[in-house]
Protein backbone atom coordinates (compact mmCIF):
# COMPACT_ATOMS: atom_id res chain seq x y z
CA UNK A 1 0.10 -0.11 0.14
CA UNK A 2 1.16 3.57 -1.09
CA UNK A 3 2.32 5.22 2.31
CA UNK A 4 0.52 8.37 2.96
CA UNK A 5 -0.32 10.72 6.12
CA UNK A 6 -2.89 10.26 8.52
CA UNK A 7 -5.96 13.41 8.12
CA UNK A 8 -5.29 14.47 11.66
CA UNK A 9 -1.82 15.21 10.05
CA UNK A 10 -2.23 16.78 7.00
CA UNK A 11 -4.91 18.84 9.02
CA UNK A 12 -2.76 20.76 11.18
CA UNK A 13 0.13 20.54 8.70
CA UNK A 14 -1.87 22.86 6.49
CA UNK A 15 -2.90 25.22 9.71
CA UNK A 16 0.57 25.71 10.28
CA UNK A 17 1.40 26.76 6.58
CA UNK A 18 -1.86 28.83 5.99
CA UNK A 19 -0.76 30.82 9.41
CA UNK A 20 2.79 30.66 8.50
CA UNK A 21 3.15 30.62 4.64
CA UNK A 22 6.90 32.55 5.28
CA UNK A 23 8.46 30.58 7.06
CA UNK A 24 10.96 27.59 6.80
CA UNK A 25 10.11 24.10 6.39
CA UNK A 26 13.77 23.23 5.95
CA UNK A 27 12.88 20.66 8.69
CA UNK A 28 9.80 19.15 7.80
CA UNK A 29 8.67 16.41 7.34
CA UNK A 30 5.93 13.91 7.82
CA UNK A 31 7.67 9.98 6.48
CA UNK A 32 10.20 7.70 7.74
CA UNK A 33 14.06 9.02 6.46
CA UNK A 34 17.14 6.14 6.10
CA UNK A 35 17.70 7.36 9.84
CA UNK A 36 13.92 7.06 10.74
CA UNK A 37 13.78 3.24 9.06
CA UNK A 38 17.30 1.96 11.21
CA UNK A 39 16.17 2.69 14.49
CA UNK A 40 12.83 0.57 13.51
CA UNK A 41 10.55 1.87 15.40
CA UNK A 42 9.43 6.23 14.45
CA UNK A 43 5.43 7.33 13.76
CA UNK A 44 6.95 8.91 10.61
CA UNK A 45 7.28 4.51 9.09
CA UNK A 46 4.23 3.85 7.88
CA UNK A 47 1.79 1.62 8.48
CA UNK A 48 2.57 -2.30 7.73
CA UNK A 49 -1.54 -3.09 7.40
CA UNK A 50 -2.64 -0.29 5.65
CA UNK A 51 0.91 2.64 4.76
CA UNK A 52 -0.27 5.10 6.89
CA UNK A 53 2.63 8.45 8.33
CA UNK A 54 0.60 9.09 11.90
CA UNK A 55 4.15 12.08 12.56
CA UNK A 56 4.92 15.07 11.66
CA UNK A 57 7.94 17.83 12.16
CA UNK A 58 7.25 20.91 11.41
CA UNK A 59 10.53 23.52 11.20
CA UNK A 60 11.52 25.35 14.01
CA UNK A 61 10.97 29.37 12.83
CA UNK A 62 7.25 29.34 12.18
CA UNK A 63 8.16 33.61 11.20
CA UNK A 64 10.42 33.35 8.59
CA UNK A 65 12.83 35.13 10.47
CA UNK A 66 15.17 34.00 13.64
CA UNK A 67 13.21 35.81 16.04
CA UNK A 68 10.27 35.56 16.87
CA UNK A 69 11.01 32.18 17.77
CA UNK A 70 6.82 31.68 18.52
CA UNK A 71 7.87 27.97 18.45
CA UNK A 72 7.65 27.15 21.83
CA UNK A 73 4.10 28.92 22.86
CA UNK A 74 2.88 26.32 19.95
CA UNK A 75 4.83 23.23 21.15
CA UNK A 76 2.57 24.16 24.69
CA UNK A 77 -0.40 25.21 22.90
CA UNK A 78 -0.70 21.37 20.82
CA UNK A 79 0.03 19.37 24.28
CA UNK A 80 -2.69 21.51 26.12
CA UNK A 81 -4.77 20.46 22.76
CA UNK A 82 -3.89 17.54 23.19
CA UNK A 83 -5.52 16.69 26.59
CA UNK A 84 -8.76 16.58 24.70
CA UNK A 85 -8.85 16.53 21.26
CA UNK A 86 -7.91 12.64 21.72
CA UNK A 87 -5.77 12.75 17.60
CA UNK A 88 -2.31 13.42 19.90
CA UNK A 89 -0.43 10.99 20.95
CA UNK A 90 2.98 13.18 22.03
CA UNK A 91 4.99 16.22 20.78
CA UNK A 92 8.12 16.41 21.03
CA UNK A 93 10.01 19.31 20.93
CA UNK A 94 13.39 21.21 22.86
CA UNK A 95 14.33 18.30 24.94
CA UNK A 96 10.48 17.64 25.82
CA UNK A 97 7.79 15.26 25.43
CA UNK A 98 4.37 15.86 26.63
CA UNK A 99 2.27 13.01 26.60
CA UNK A 100 -0.33 11.77 28.03
CA UNK A 101 1.68 9.31 30.95
CA UNK A 102 2.16 12.78 32.14
CA UNK A 103 -1.04 14.24 31.83
CA UNK A 104 -0.18 16.37 29.09
CA UNK A 105 3.43 17.86 31.56
CA UNK A 106 6.16 19.05 29.64
CA UNK A 107 9.12 16.75 30.93
CA UNK A 108 12.52 15.20 29.85
CA UNK A 109 12.50 13.83 26.63
CA UNK A 110 15.49 11.31 26.47
CA UNK A 111 15.43 9.92 23.19
CA UNK A 112 18.59 10.72 20.45
CA UNK A 113 17.10 13.47 18.87
CA UNK A 114 16.69 16.24 20.97
CA UNK A 115 13.87 17.58 18.04
CA UNK A 116 15.49 21.28 18.64
CA UNK A 117 15.21 22.03 15.31
CA UNK A 118 11.84 21.09 14.67
CA UNK A 119 8.38 19.99 16.61
CA UNK A 120 7.22 16.66 16.36
CA UNK A 121 3.51 15.75 16.79
CA UNK A 122 3.17 12.31 16.55
CA UNK A 123 -0.68 10.84 16.25
CA UNK A 124 -3.49 8.38 18.14
CA UNK A 125 -5.10 6.02 15.37
CA UNK A 126 -7.75 8.68 15.84
CA UNK A 127 -6.09 10.92 13.32
CA UNK A 128 -6.15 8.51 10.43
CA UNK A 129 -9.08 9.35 9.31
CA UNK A 130 -10.28 12.42 12.06
CA UNK A 131 -9.30 15.66 9.37
CA UNK A 132 -11.39 18.23 11.43
CA UNK A 133 -8.96 21.50 12.71
CA UNK A 134 -7.08 21.73 16.08
CA UNK A 135 -8.41 24.24 18.35
CA UNK A 136 -4.85 25.45 18.97
CA UNK A 137 -5.26 29.84 19.14
CA UNK A 138 -1.97 30.06 17.31
CA UNK A 139 -2.96 28.88 14.75
CA UNK A 140 -6.39 30.48 14.11
CA UNK A 141 -5.18 34.09 13.10
């Protein structure tokens, strides 16, 4: 089956692109590269069952300039949105991870990639077909 991004991932990416049309996309991505594949476990790796990919990366530079750095605020708002939404599995940014495991509080991330240049969002299977917009103030303009 052909790899495809989950609907929630498409929607979130589209919302970010619409709100920040001049942003840097250098660190953007959704499908696994060789590094992810060799790690063996990543939500960027397409499901063997249906080809769905349940993760996106969004470059840190939302404004198209080094300042202001808005990504810490977006990461925080997504973390808070995730508590009620159910489509986000976890968020990793700048050496921290937030998930249901600790009631969506940020805690130290111990993985090899500290995600300092991009925000990583992983989605639950609910996000496979649910493409409604995310209620995130920074994305609503």
